[in-house]
Amino acid sequence: MWKLGTYTRNIMKSIDISIIIMVLIIATTERISLSSFFIGGKEQKIDFFKPVIEKLIKKGTDSSFIYSIISDSRTKFNEKYVKINVTGFLKKVDYSQNYNAFSVRKCRDFISNNLESLNRCENRFGVPKEVITAILWVETKQGAYLGDNHIASVLVSTAMSDQPQFIDLNKKELRENFTGDSSELKELDKKIKSRAVRKSQWAINELYSLSKINKVSTIQILDLTGSWAGAFGLSQFLPSSYLSWAVDGNGDGVVDLFNTDDAIFSVANYLKKNGWSDTQDSWRKAVYNYNNSKDYVDAVFKLASKLEISSYRETTHSK
């Protein structure tokens, strides 16, 4: 069988990218009113996001999805996502307010109001209702604070973080807020650059997952809002987590993480599939996988231990 050589394949790929970008330019010129952020107009928006477009094409993302994301007037670049997703590790998160008296009272109310669903979930997955309730509280206060960040904008912005101007922006941000020993700056510069590359690829992968959700779900992906990290719903799942672990908790045939039952079952399924078993070590590892912060894990279990409703507390004390 005749095969294309590497040089020929690269030429074809380049042509493919150019054609799609031209289609995007023409289509947006005729049909879409874009953000005034791009002062030069529609073509400048396409050119600005060219690195993202090229990466998505290389990954095999459907071109119609790329068009729908980039051309939509709600999709805008915001440098705050480039900053916080790359340099956020420099700031310690305080989770202590999540297990105060008010939090405990609200969580007990949540358990009381959703007891039937939580019991079904606990019986199916073996994950205690207190832990599920605690995670939903720490994540979104059980739906009270879902986040208003446009998910597509979060991801396309973060996908730009490996571009030289934004690496420099984050290095400048580091120096403006840095209070440590100046000898540490060189290593932090390296870490910021490596994180920028990693976070850019992470965002591309999440955009690809979003394109798959667009094919298999009724979710209106361009309407999705959530956290600055690209997570959405009561359980704050990323698009890739939705594809892997979100489940239908109320039996209506739709997986909707803005629905309480679906969020409850999805959290439990996530933990179960990520190692939750019958040891405290497995519990902590599963929750750490949900959010890789020791302080987060500690907060979840401190809150869960204060709820004192099912066998969770007895099991904890017996280990």
C-alpha atoms as a PDB file:
ATOM      1  CA  MET A   1       0.000   0.000   0.000  1.00  0.00           C
ATOM      2  CA  TRP A   2       1.266   3.445  -0.933  1.00  0.00           C
ATOM      3  CA  LYS A   3       1.962   5.601   2.157  1.00  0.00           C
ATOM      4  CA  LEU A   4       2.437   9.327   2.583  1.00  0.00           C
ATOM      5  CA  GLY A   5       5.929  10.309   3.700  1.00  0.00           C
ATOM      6  CA  THR A   6       6.436  12.386   6.823  1.00  0.00           C
ATOM      7  CA  TYR A   7       7.168  15.532   4.809  1.00  0.00           C
ATOM      8  CA  THR A   8       4.030  15.089   2.705  1.00  0.00           C
ATOM      9  CA  ARG A   9       1.866  14.412   5.783  1.00  0.00           C
ATOM     10  CA  ASN A  10       3.152  17.597   7.421  1.00  0.00           C
ATOM     11  CA  ILE A  11       2.288  19.603   4.316  1.00  0.00           C
ATOM     12  CA  MET A  12      -1.207  18.114   4.241  1.00  0.00           C
ATOM     13  CA  LYS A  13      -1.688  18.847   7.935  1.00  0.00           C
ATOM     14  CA  SER A  14      -0.584  22.452   7.386  1.00  0.00           C
ATOM     15  CA  ILE A  15      -3.045  22.804   4.498  1.00  0.00           C
ATOM     16  CA  ASP A  16      -5.822  21.291   6.627  1.00  0.00           C
ATOM     17  CA  ILE A  17      -5.178  23.781   9.427  1.00  0.00           C
ATOM     18  CA  SER A  18      -5.089  26.703   7.006  1.00  0.00           C
ATOM     19  CA  ILE A  19      -8.361  25.656   5.382  1.00  0.00           C
ATOM     20  CA  ILE A  20     -10.175  25.327   8.714  1.00  0.00           C
ATOM     21  CA  ILE A  21      -8.873  28.683   9.906  1.00  0.00           C
ATOM     22  CA  MET A  22     -10.007  30.305   6.659  1.00  0.00           C
ATOM     23  CA  VAL A  23     -13.454  28.701   7.028  1.00  0.00           C
ATOM     24  CA  LEU A  24     -13.654  30.056  10.539  1.00  0.00           C
ATOM     25  CA  ILE A  25     -12.695  33.535   9.368  1.00  0.00           C
ATOM     26  CA  ILE A  26     -15.255  33.539   6.554  1.00  0.00           C
ATOM     27  CA  ALA A  27     -18.015  32.062   8.694  1.00  0.00           C
ATOM     28  CA  THR A  28     -17.505  34.469  11.556  1.00  0.00           C
ATOM     29  CA  THR A  29     -17.277  37.416   9.197  1.00  0.00           C
ATOM     30  CA  GLU A  30     -20.715  36.591   7.794  1.00  0.00           C
ATOM     31  CA  ARG A  31     -22.615  35.306  10.805  1.00  0.00           C
ATOM     32  CA  ILE A  32     -21.110  36.121  14.194  1.00  0.00           C
ATOM     33  CA  SER A  33     -20.847  39.280  16.242  1.00  0.00           C
ATOM     34  CA  LEU A  34     -17.720  38.912  18.355  1.00  0.00           C
ATOM     35  CA  SER A  35     -16.379  40.479  21.516  1.00  0.00           C
ATOM     36  CA  SER A  36     -15.028  44.005  21.346  1.00  0.00           C
ATOM     37  CA  PHE A  37     -11.998  42.670  23.244  1.00  0.00           C
ATOM     38  CA  PHE A  38     -10.520  41.928  19.845  1.00  0.00           C
ATOM     39  CA  ILE A  39     -10.305  45.512  18.641  1.00  0.00           C
ATOM     40  CA  GLY A  40      -9.244  44.557  15.148  1.00  0.00           C
ATOM     41  CA  GLY A  41     -12.357  42.435  14.558  1.00  0.00           C
ATOM     42  CA  LYS A  42     -13.326  38.840  13.868  1.00  0.00           C
ATOM     43  CA  GLU A  43     -10.270  37.815  11.896  1.00  0.00           C
ATOM     44  CA  GLN A  44      -8.037  38.958  14.751  1.00  0.00           C
ATOM     45  CA  LYS A  45      -9.903  36.719  17.179  1.00  0.00           C
ATOM     46  CA  ILE A  46      -9.285  33.695  14.974  1.00  0.00           C
ATOM     47  CA  ASP A  47      -5.635  34.648  14.579  1.00  0.00           C
ATOM     48  CA  PHE A  48      -5.261  35.154  18.343  1.00  0.00           C
ATOM     49  CA  PHE A  49      -6.596  31.672  19.108  1.00  0.00           C
ATOM     50  CA  LYS A  50      -4.663  30.023  16.267  1.00  0.00           C
ATOM     51  CA  PRO A  51      -2.386  28.068  18.683  1.00  0.00           C
ATOM     52  CA  VAL A  52      -5.479  26.576  20.334  1.00  0.00           C
ATOM     53  CA  ILE A  53      -7.118  25.808  16.999  1.00  0.00           C
ATOM     54  CA  GLU A  54      -4.004  24.050  15.723  1.00  0.00           C
ATOM     55  CA  LYS A  55      -3.667  21.918  18.864  1.00  0.00           C
ATOM     56  CA  LEU A  56      -7.310  20.901  18.765  1.00  0.00           C
ATOM     57  CA  ILE A  57      -7.035  19.937  15.094  1.00  0.00           C
ATOM     58  CA  LYS A  58      -3.890  17.920  15.800  1.00  0.00           C
ATOM     59  CA  LYS A  59      -5.744  16.079  18.573  1.00  0.00           C
ATOM     60  CA  GLY A  60      -8.503  15.157  16.116  1.00  0.00           C
ATOM     61  CA  THR A  61     -11.208  17.477  17.446  1.00  0.00           C
ATOM     62  CA  ASP A  62     -14.213  17.907  15.180  1.00  0.00           C
ATOM     63  CA  SER A  63     -13.830  21.113  13.157  1.00  0.00           C
ATOM     64  CA  SER A  64     -17.493  22.073  13.660  1.00  0.00           C
ATOM     65  CA  PHE A  65     -16.933  22.002  17.411  1.00  0.00           C
ATOM     66  CA  ILE A  66     -13.853  24.208  17.053  1.00  0.00           C
ATOM     67  CA  TYR A  67     -15.943  26.627  15.002  1.00  0.00           C
ATOM     68  CA  SER A  68     -18.768  26.687  17.549  1.00  0.00           C
ATOM     69  CA  ILE A  69     -16.424  27.371  20.463  1.00  0.00           C
ATOM     70  CA  ILE A  70     -14.143  29.970  18.906  1.00  0.00           C
ATOM     71  CA  SER A  71     -16.770  31.864  16.958  1.00  0.00           C
ATOM     72  CA  ASP A  72     -19.334  32.170  19.740  1.00  0.00           C
ATOM     73  CA  SER A  73     -19.529  35.727  21.094  1.00  0.00           C
ATOM     74  CA  ARG A  74     -19.544  34.422  24.671  1.00  0.00           C
ATOM     75  CA  THR A  75     -16.137  32.826  24.254  1.00  0.00           C
ATOM     76  CA  LYS A  76     -13.568  35.414  25.245  1.00  0.00           C
ATOM     77  CA  PHE A  77      -9.976  35.430  26.320  1.00  0.00           C
ATOM     78  CA  ASN A  78      -9.412  36.470  29.929  1.00  0.00           C
ATOM     79  CA  GLU A  79      -5.879  36.614  31.287  1.00  0.00           C
ATOM     80  CA  LYS A  80      -7.096  35.934  34.841  1.00  0.00           C
ATOM     81  CA  TYR A  81      -7.559  32.263  33.860  1.00  0.00           C
ATOM     82  CA  VAL A  82      -4.004  32.145  32.532  1.00  0.00           C
ATOM     83  CA  LYS A  83      -2.773  33.594  35.811  1.00  0.00           C
ATOM     84  CA  ILE A  84      -4.751  31.606  38.359  1.00  0.00           C
ATOM     85  CA  ASN A  85      -4.471  28.224  36.630  1.00  0.00           C
ATOM     86  CA  VAL A  86      -0.700  28.547  36.301  1.00  0.00           C
ATOM     87  CA  THR A  87       0.312  30.459  39.443  1.00  0.00           C
ATOM     88  CA  GLY A  88      -2.495  29.417  41.776  1.00  0.00           C
ATOM     89  CA  PHE A  89      -0.191  26.910  43.492  1.00  0.00           C
ATOM     90  CA  LEU A  90       1.631  29.866  45.099  1.00  0.00           C
ATOM     91  CA  LYS A  91      -1.365  30.692  47.306  1.00  0.00           C
ATOM     92  CA  LYS A  92      -2.535  28.410  50.091  1.00  0.00           C
ATOM     93  CA  VAL A  93      -6.302  27.774  50.240  1.00  0.00           C
ATOM     94  CA  ASP A  94      -7.996  28.052  53.646  1.00  0.00           C
ATOM     95  CA  TYR A  95     -10.593  25.277  54.031  1.00  0.00           C
ATOM     96  CA  SER A  96     -11.211  25.806  57.759  1.00  0.00           C
ATOM     97  CA  GLN A  97     -14.549  27.565  57.289  1.00  0.00           C
ATOM     98  CA  ASN A  98     -15.969  24.376  55.773  1.00  0.00           C
ATOM     99  CA  TYR A  99     -16.360  22.511  59.042  1.00  0.00           C
ATOM    100  CA  ASN A 100     -17.649  25.200  61.411  1.00  0.00           C
ATOM    101  CA  ALA A 101     -21.016  25.009  63.219  1.00  0.00           C
ATOM    102  CA  PHE A 102     -22.877  26.662  60.346  1.00  0.00           C
ATOM    103  CA  SER A 103     -21.445  24.162  57.823  1.00  0.00           C
ATOM    104  CA  VAL A 104     -22.376  21.212  60.027  1.00  0.00           C
ATOM    105  CA  ARG A 105     -25.942  22.474  60.421  1.00  0.00           C
ATOM    106  CA  LYS A 106     -26.383  23.024  56.678  1.00  0.00           C
ATOM    107  CA  CYS A 107     -24.989  19.577  55.902  1.00  0.00           C
ATOM    108  CA  ARG A 108     -27.324  17.895  58.371  1.00  0.00           C
ATOM    109  CA  ASP A 109     -30.220  19.702  56.689  1.00  0.00           C
ATOM    110  CA  PHE A 110     -28.977  18.476  53.303  1.00  0.00           C
ATOM    111  CA  ILE A 111     -28.838  14.879  54.525  1.00  0.00           C
ATOM    112  CA  SER A 112     -32.312  15.141  56.011  1.00  0.00           C
ATOM    113  CA  ASN A 113     -33.728  16.596  52.780  1.00  0.00           C
ATOM    114  CA  ASN A 114     -31.995  14.045  50.516  1.00  0.00           C
ATOM    115  CA  LEU A 115     -31.935  11.003  52.773  1.00  0.00           C
ATOM    116  CA  GLU A 116     -33.642   8.608  50.355  1.00  0.00           C
ATOM    117  CA  SER A 117     -31.226   9.384  47.536  1.00  0.00           C
ATOM    118  CA  LEU A 118     -28.191   9.303  49.840  1.00  0.00           C
ATOM    119  CA  ASN A 119     -29.225   5.939  51.290  1.00  0.00           C
ATOM    120  CA  ARG A 120     -29.680   4.431  47.825  1.00  0.00           C
ATOM    121  CA  CYS A 121     -26.309   5.795  46.823  1.00  0.00           C
ATOM    122  CA  GLU A 122     -24.574   4.522  49.946  1.00  0.00           C
ATOM    123  CA  ASN A 123     -26.036   1.050  49.430  1.00  0.00           C
ATOM    124  CA  ARG A 124     -24.925   0.969  45.804  1.00  0.00           C
ATOM    125  CA  PHE A 125     -21.391   2.339  46.082  1.00  0.00           C
ATOM    126  CA  GLY A 126     -20.479   1.847  49.729  1.00  0.00           C
ATOM    127  CA  VAL A 127     -19.530   5.504  50.116  1.00  0.00           C
ATOM    128  CA  PRO A 128     -20.990   7.066  53.300  1.00  0.00           C
ATOM    129  CA  LYS A 129     -23.568   9.793  52.942  1.00  0.00           C
ATOM    130  CA  GLU A 130     -21.509  12.053  55.223  1.00  0.00           C
ATOM    131  CA  VAL A 131     -18.547  12.022  52.846  1.00  0.00           C
ATOM    132  CA  ILE A 132     -20.700  12.685  49.782  1.00  0.00           C
ATOM    133  CA  THR A 133     -22.450  15.508  51.614  1.00  0.00           C
ATOM    134  CA  ALA A 134     -19.142  16.972  52.790  1.00  0.00           C
ATOM    135  CA  ILE A 135     -17.659  17.013  49.288  1.00  0.00           C
ATOM    136  CA  LEU A 136     -20.731  18.718  47.841  1.00  0.00           C
ATOM    137  CA  TRP A 137     -20.516  21.291  50.639  1.00  0.00           C
ATOM    138  CA  VAL A 138     -16.827  22.048  50.166  1.00  0.00           C
ATOM    139  CA  GLU A 139     -17.230  22.204  46.390  1.00  0.00           C
ATOM    140  CA  THR A 140     -20.319  24.387  45.940  1.00  0.00           C
ATOM    141  CA  LYS A 141     -22.118  24.637  49.305  1.00  0.00           C
ATOM    142  CA  GLN A 142     -24.418  21.972  47.809  1.00  0.00           C
ATOM    143  CA  GLY A 143     -25.313  24.126  44.834  1.00  0.00           C
ATOM    144  CA  ALA A 144     -25.470  27.570  46.422  1.00  0.00           C
ATOM    145  CA  TYR A 145     -22.228  28.714  44.761  1.00  0.00           C
ATOM    146  CA  LEU A 146     -21.813  27.128  41.356  1.00  0.00           C
ATOM    147  CA  GLY A 147     -19.523  29.712  39.781  1.00  0.00           C
ATOM    148  CA  ASP A 148     -20.307  32.044  36.905  1.00  0.00           C
ATOM    149  CA  ASN A 149     -17.193  31.556  34.800  1.00  0.00           C
ATOM    150  CA  HIS A 150     -17.908  30.649  31.170  1.00  0.00           C
ATOM    151  CA  ILE A 151     -16.378  27.175  30.873  1.00  0.00           C
ATOM    152  CA  ALA A 152     -15.400  27.453  27.205  1.00  0.00           C
ATOM    153  CA  SER A 153     -13.669  30.780  27.917  1.00  0.00           C
ATOM    154  CA  VAL A 154     -11.823  29.310  30.895  1.00  0.00           C
ATOM    155  CA  LEU A 155     -10.471  26.479  28.787  1.00  0.00           C
ATOM    156  CA  VAL A 156      -9.510  28.385  25.626  1.00  0.00           C
ATOM    157  CA  SER A 157      -7.846  31.062  27.765  1.00  0.00           C
ATOM    158  CA  THR A 158      -5.893  28.520  29.806  1.00  0.00           C
ATOM    159  CA  ALA A 159      -4.913  26.731  26.594  1.00  0.00           C
ATOM    160  CA  MET A 160      -3.063  29.941  25.639  1.00  0.00           C
ATOM    161  CA  SER A 161      -0.938  29.905  28.796  1.00  0.00           C
ATOM    162  CA  ASP A 162       2.121  28.357  27.088  1.00  0.00           C
ATOM    163  CA  GLN A 163       2.455  31.271  24.686  1.00  0.00           C
ATOM    164  CA  PRO A 164       5.604  33.355  25.408  1.00  0.00           C
ATOM    165  CA  GLN A 165       3.739  36.556  26.239  1.00  0.00           C
ATOM    166  CA  PHE A 166       1.655  34.805  28.896  1.00  0.00           C
ATOM    167  CA  ILE A 167       4.615  32.952  30.380  1.00  0.00           C
ATOM    168  CA  ASP A 168       6.262  36.361  30.741  1.00  0.00           C
ATOM    169  CA  LEU A 169       3.049  37.754  32.218  1.00  0.00           C
ATOM    170  CA  ASN A 170       3.041  35.082  34.917  1.00  0.00           C
ATOM    171  CA  LYS A 171       6.712  35.605  35.697  1.00  0.00           C
ATOM    172  CA  LYS A 172       5.970  39.300  36.143  1.00  0.00           C
ATOM    173  CA  GLU A 173       2.992  38.451  38.345  1.00  0.00           C
ATOM    174  CA  LEU A 174       5.267  36.228  40.441  1.00  0.00           C
ATOM    175  CA  ARG A 175       7.758  39.036  41.016  1.00  0.00           C
ATOM    176  CA  GLU A 176       5.091  41.561  41.946  1.00  0.00           C
ATOM    177  CA  ASN A 177       3.718  39.324  44.703  1.00  0.00           C
ATOM    178  CA  PHE A 178       6.808  37.376  45.763  1.00  0.00           C
ATOM    179  CA  THR A 179       7.991  37.895  49.360  1.00  0.00           C
ATOM    180  CA  GLY A 180      10.485  35.047  49.699  1.00  0.00           C
ATOM    181  CA  ASP A 181      14.216  34.725  49.081  1.00  0.00           C
ATOM    182  CA  SER A 182      15.236  36.087  45.667  1.00  0.00           C
ATOM    183  CA  SER A 183      17.404  32.991  45.168  1.00  0.00           C
ATOM    184  CA  GLU A 184      14.183  30.984  44.789  1.00  0.00           C
ATOM    185  CA  LEU A 185      12.967  33.004  41.809  1.00  0.00           C
ATOM    186  CA  LYS A 186      14.983  31.124  39.188  1.00  0.00           C
ATOM    187  CA  GLU A 187      13.483  27.777  40.193  1.00  0.00           C
ATOM    188  CA  LEU A 188      10.001  29.296  40.388  1.00  0.00           C
ATOM    189  CA  ASP A 189      10.462  30.720  36.888  1.00  0.00           C
ATOM    190  CA  LYS A 190      11.197  27.207  35.651  1.00  0.00           C
ATOM    191  CA  LYS A 191       8.188  25.851  37.497  1.00  0.00           C
ATOM    192  CA  ILE A 192       5.909  28.490  36.030  1.00  0.00           C
ATOM    193  CA  LYS A 193       7.116  27.683  32.511  1.00  0.00           C
ATOM    194  CA  SER A 194       6.633  23.933  32.990  1.00  0.00           C
ATOM    195  CA  ARG A 195       3.218  24.474  34.574  1.00  0.00           C
ATOM    196  CA  ALA A 196       2.223  26.756  31.689  1.00  0.00           C
ATOM    197  CA  VAL A 197       3.011  24.016  29.176  1.00  0.00           C
ATOM    198  CA  ARG A 198       1.256  21.377  31.283  1.00  0.00           C
ATOM    199  CA  LYS A 199      -1.813  23.530  31.930  1.00  0.00           C
ATOM    200  CA  SER A 200      -2.092  24.432  28.258  1.00  0.00           C
ATOM    201  CA  GLN A 201      -2.170  20.764  27.287  1.00  0.00           C
ATOM    202  CA  TRP A 202      -4.568  20.040  30.139  1.00  0.00           C
ATOM    203  CA  ALA A 203      -6.956  22.676  28.780  1.00  0.00           C
ATOM    204  CA  ILE A 204      -6.708  21.238  25.257  1.00  0.00           C
ATOM    205  CA  ASN A 205      -7.590  17.800  26.649  1.00  0.00           C
ATOM    206  CA  GLU A 206     -10.565  19.250  28.518  1.00  0.00           C
ATOM    207  CA  LEU A 207     -11.749  21.042  25.369  1.00  0.00           C
ATOM    208  CA  TYR A 208     -11.506  17.738  23.533  1.00  0.00           C
ATOM    209  CA  SER A 209     -13.595  16.122  26.297  1.00  0.00           C
ATOM    210  CA  LEU A 210     -16.069  18.965  25.967  1.00  0.00           C
ATOM    211  CA  SER A 211     -16.360  18.169  22.259  1.00  0.00           C
ATOM    212  CA  LYS A 212     -17.200  14.552  23.146  1.00  0.00           C
ATOM    213  CA  ILE A 213     -19.833  15.685  25.647  1.00  0.00           C
ATOM    214  CA  ASN A 214     -21.313  17.759  22.865  1.00  0.00           C
ATOM    215  CA  LYS A 215     -21.836  14.554  20.861  1.00  0.00           C
ATOM    216  CA  VAL A 216     -23.237  12.283  23.568  1.00  0.00           C
ATOM    217  CA  SER A 217     -25.183  14.641  25.814  1.00  0.00           C
ATOM    218  CA  THR A 218     -27.995  17.170  25.639  1.00  0.00           C
ATOM    219  CA  ILE A 219     -25.876  19.633  27.627  1.00  0.00           C
ATOM    220  CA  GLN A 220     -25.608  23.012  25.941  1.00  0.00           C
ATOM    221  CA  ILE A 221     -21.865  23.303  26.309  1.00  0.00           C
ATOM    222  CA  LEU A 222     -21.689  26.975  25.375  1.00  0.00           C
ATOM    223  CA  ASP A 223     -24.124  27.769  28.182  1.00  0.00           C
ATOM    224  CA  LEU A 224     -21.990  26.009  30.796  1.00  0.00           C
ATOM    225  CA  THR A 225     -20.688  28.112  33.657  1.00  0.00           C
ATOM    226  CA  GLY A 226     -18.699  27.045  36.668  1.00  0.00           C
ATOM    227  CA  SER A 227     -15.343  27.531  38.374  1.00  0.00           C
ATOM    228  CA  TRP A 228     -12.199  29.327  37.199  1.00  0.00           C
ATOM    229  CA  ALA A 229     -10.689  25.834  36.902  1.00  0.00           C
ATOM    230  CA  GLY A 230     -13.214  24.711  34.274  1.00  0.00           C
ATOM    231  CA  ALA A 231     -15.380  22.543  36.569  1.00  0.00           C
ATOM    232  CA  PHE A 232     -19.172  22.654  36.655  1.00  0.00           C
ATOM    233  CA  GLY A 233     -22.236  21.373  38.500  1.00  0.00           C
ATOM    234  CA  LEU A 234     -22.863  20.718  42.197  1.00  0.00           C
ATOM    235  CA  SER A 235     -19.975  18.249  42.185  1.00  0.00           C
ATOM    236  CA  GLN A 236     -17.630  20.488  40.166  1.00  0.00           C
ATOM    237  CA  PHE A 237     -16.590  17.902  37.599  1.00  0.00           C
ATOM    238  CA  LEU A 238     -14.238  18.761  34.764  1.00  0.00           C
ATOM    239  CA  PRO A 239     -15.433  17.728  31.275  1.00  0.00           C
ATOM    240  CA  SER A 240     -13.124  14.685  31.378  1.00  0.00           C
ATOM    241  CA  SER A 241     -14.508  13.702  34.799  1.00  0.00           C
ATOM    242  CA  TYR A 242     -18.048  14.041  33.490  1.00  0.00           C
ATOM    243  CA  LEU A 243     -17.280  11.591  30.688  1.00  0.00           C
ATOM    244  CA  SER A 244     -15.592   9.107  33.017  1.00  0.00           C
ATOM    245  CA  TRP A 245     -17.625   9.197  36.217  1.00  0.00           C
ATOM    246  CA  ALA A 246     -20.869  11.187  35.981  1.00  0.00           C
ATOM    247  CA  VAL A 247     -23.960   8.962  36.332  1.00  0.00           C
ATOM    248  CA  ASP A 248     -27.738   9.246  36.302  1.00  0.00           C
ATOM    249  CA  GLY A 249     -28.892   9.249  39.914  1.00  0.00           C
ATOM    250  CA  ASN A 250     -32.626   9.841  39.523  1.00  0.00           C
ATOM    251  CA  GLY A 251     -33.317   7.448  36.645  1.00  0.00           C
ATOM    252  CA  ASP A 252     -34.559  10.034  34.149  1.00  0.00           C
ATOM    253  CA  GLY A 253     -32.040   8.992  31.504  1.00  0.00           C
ATOM    254  CA  VAL A 254     -30.152  12.305  31.677  1.00  0.00           C
ATOM    255  CA  VAL A 255     -26.836  12.905  33.443  1.00  0.00           C
ATOM    256  CA  ASP A 256     -27.140  16.420  34.803  1.00  0.00           C
ATOM    257  CA  LEU A 257     -24.642  17.526  37.448  1.00  0.00           C
ATOM    258  CA  PHE A 258     -26.842  20.492  38.281  1.00  0.00           C
ATOM    259  CA  ASN A 259     -29.394  17.950  39.526  1.00  0.00           C
ATOM    260  CA  THR A 260     -28.864  16.976  43.182  1.00  0.00           C
ATOM    261  CA  ASP A 261     -29.487  13.231  42.744  1.00  0.00           C
ATOM    262  CA  ASP A 262     -27.148  12.999  39.771  1.00  0.00           C
ATOM    263  CA  ALA A 263     -24.466  14.955  41.645  1.00  0.00           C
ATOM    264  CA  ILE A 264     -24.777  12.700  44.717  1.00  0.00           C
ATOM    265  CA  PHE A 265     -24.426   9.505  42.692  1.00  0.00           C
ATOM    266  CA  SER A 266     -21.649  10.939  40.546  1.00  0.00           C
ATOM    267  CA  VAL A 267     -19.520  11.873  43.554  1.00  0.00           C
ATOM    268  CA  ALA A 268     -19.920   8.373  44.978  1.00  0.00           C
ATOM    269  CA  ASN A 269     -19.157   6.750  41.622  1.00  0.00           C
ATOM    270  CA  TYR A 270     -16.056   8.935  41.257  1.00  0.00           C
ATOM    271  CA  LEU A 271     -14.747   7.889  44.676  1.00  0.00           C
ATOM    272  CA  LYS A 272     -15.561   4.223  44.150  1.00  0.00           C
ATOM    273  CA  LYS A 273     -13.900   4.098  40.742  1.00  0.00           C
ATOM    274  CA  ASN A 274     -10.861   5.861  42.181  1.00  0.00           C
ATOM    275  CA  GLY A 275     -10.147   3.353  44.906  1.00  0.00           C
ATOM    276  CA  TRP A 276     -12.623   3.818  47.747  1.00  0.00           C
ATOM    277  CA  SER A 277     -12.787   0.512  49.626  1.00  0.00           C
ATOM    278  CA  ASP A 278     -12.791  -0.541  53.277  1.00  0.00           C
ATOM    279  CA  THR A 279      -9.720   1.210  54.661  1.00  0.00           C
ATOM    280  CA  GLN A 280      -9.171   4.773  55.783  1.00  0.00           C
ATOM    281  CA  ASP A 281      -6.081   4.951  53.576  1.00  0.00           C
ATOM    282  CA  SER A 282      -8.194   4.139  50.510  1.00  0.00           C
ATOM    283  CA  TRP A 283     -10.742   6.783  51.558  1.00  0.00           C
ATOM    284  CA  ARG A 284      -8.123   9.514  51.763  1.00  0.00           C
ATOM    285  CA  LYS A 285      -6.523   8.489  48.465  1.00  0.00           C
ATOM    286  CA  ALA A 286      -9.900   8.538  46.698  1.00  0.00           C
ATOM    287  CA  VAL A 287     -10.753  12.004  48.006  1.00  0.00           C
ATOM    288  CA  TYR A 288      -7.218  13.210  47.236  1.00  0.00           C
ATOM    289  CA  ASN A 289      -7.780  12.128  43.649  1.00  0.00           C
ATOM    290  CA  TYR A 290     -10.908  14.308  43.640  1.00  0.00           C
ATOM    291  CA  ASN A 291      -8.815  17.294  44.709  1.00  0.00           C
ATOM    292  CA  ASN A 292      -5.090  16.786  45.168  1.00  0.00           C
ATOM    293  CA  SER A 293      -4.779  18.928  48.264  1.00  0.00           C
ATOM    294  CA  LYS A 294      -4.100  17.481  51.706  1.00  0.00           C
ATOM    295  CA  ASP A 295      -5.940  20.428  53.280  1.00  0.00           C
ATOM    296  CA  TYR A 296      -8.966  19.675  51.091  1.00  0.00           C
ATOM    297  CA  VAL A 297      -8.941  16.014  52.149  1.00  0.00           C
ATOM    298  CA  ASP A 298      -8.610  16.974  55.804  1.00  0.00           C
ATOM    299  CA  ALA A 299     -11.535  19.408  55.518  1.00  0.00           C
ATOM    300  CA  VAL A 300     -13.803  16.794  53.917  1.00  0.00           C
ATOM    301  CA  PHE A 301     -13.166  14.235  56.637  1.00  0.00           C
ATOM    302  CA  LYS A 302     -13.329  16.739  59.491  1.00  0.00           C
ATOM    303  CA  LEU A 303     -16.740  17.848  58.276  1.00  0.00           C
ATOM    304  CA  ALA A 304     -17.925  14.279  57.621  1.00  0.00           C
ATOM    305  CA  SER A 305     -16.885  13.171  61.108  1.00  0.00           C
ATOM    306  CA  LYS A 306     -19.016  15.925  62.680  1.00  0.00           C
ATOM    307  CA  LEU A 307     -22.236  14.873  60.960  1.00  0.00           C
ATOM    308  CA  GLU A 308     -22.671  11.717  63.086  1.00  0.00           C
ATOM    309  CA  ILE A 309     -25.578  10.237  61.185  1.00  0.00           C
ATOM    310  CA  SER A 310     -24.822   6.822  59.676  1.00  0.00           C
ATOM    311  CA  SER A 311     -22.288   4.064  60.246  1.00  0.00           C
ATOM    312  CA  TYR A 312     -19.457   6.251  58.961  1.00  0.00           C
ATOM    313  CA  ARG A 313     -18.533   7.578  62.417  1.00  0.00           C
ATOM    314  CA  GLU A 314     -18.625   4.106  63.978  1.00  0.00           C
ATOM    315  CA  THR A 315     -16.508   2.704  61.144  1.00  0.00           C
ATOM    316  CA  THR A 316     -13.999   5.535  61.517  1.00  0.00           C
ATOM    317  CA  HIS A 317     -13.651   4.952  65.235  1.00  0.00           C
ATOM    318  CA  SER A 318     -13.275   1.200  64.852  1.00  0.00           C
ATOM    319  CA  LYS A 319     -10.355   1.377  62.416  1.00  0.00           C
END
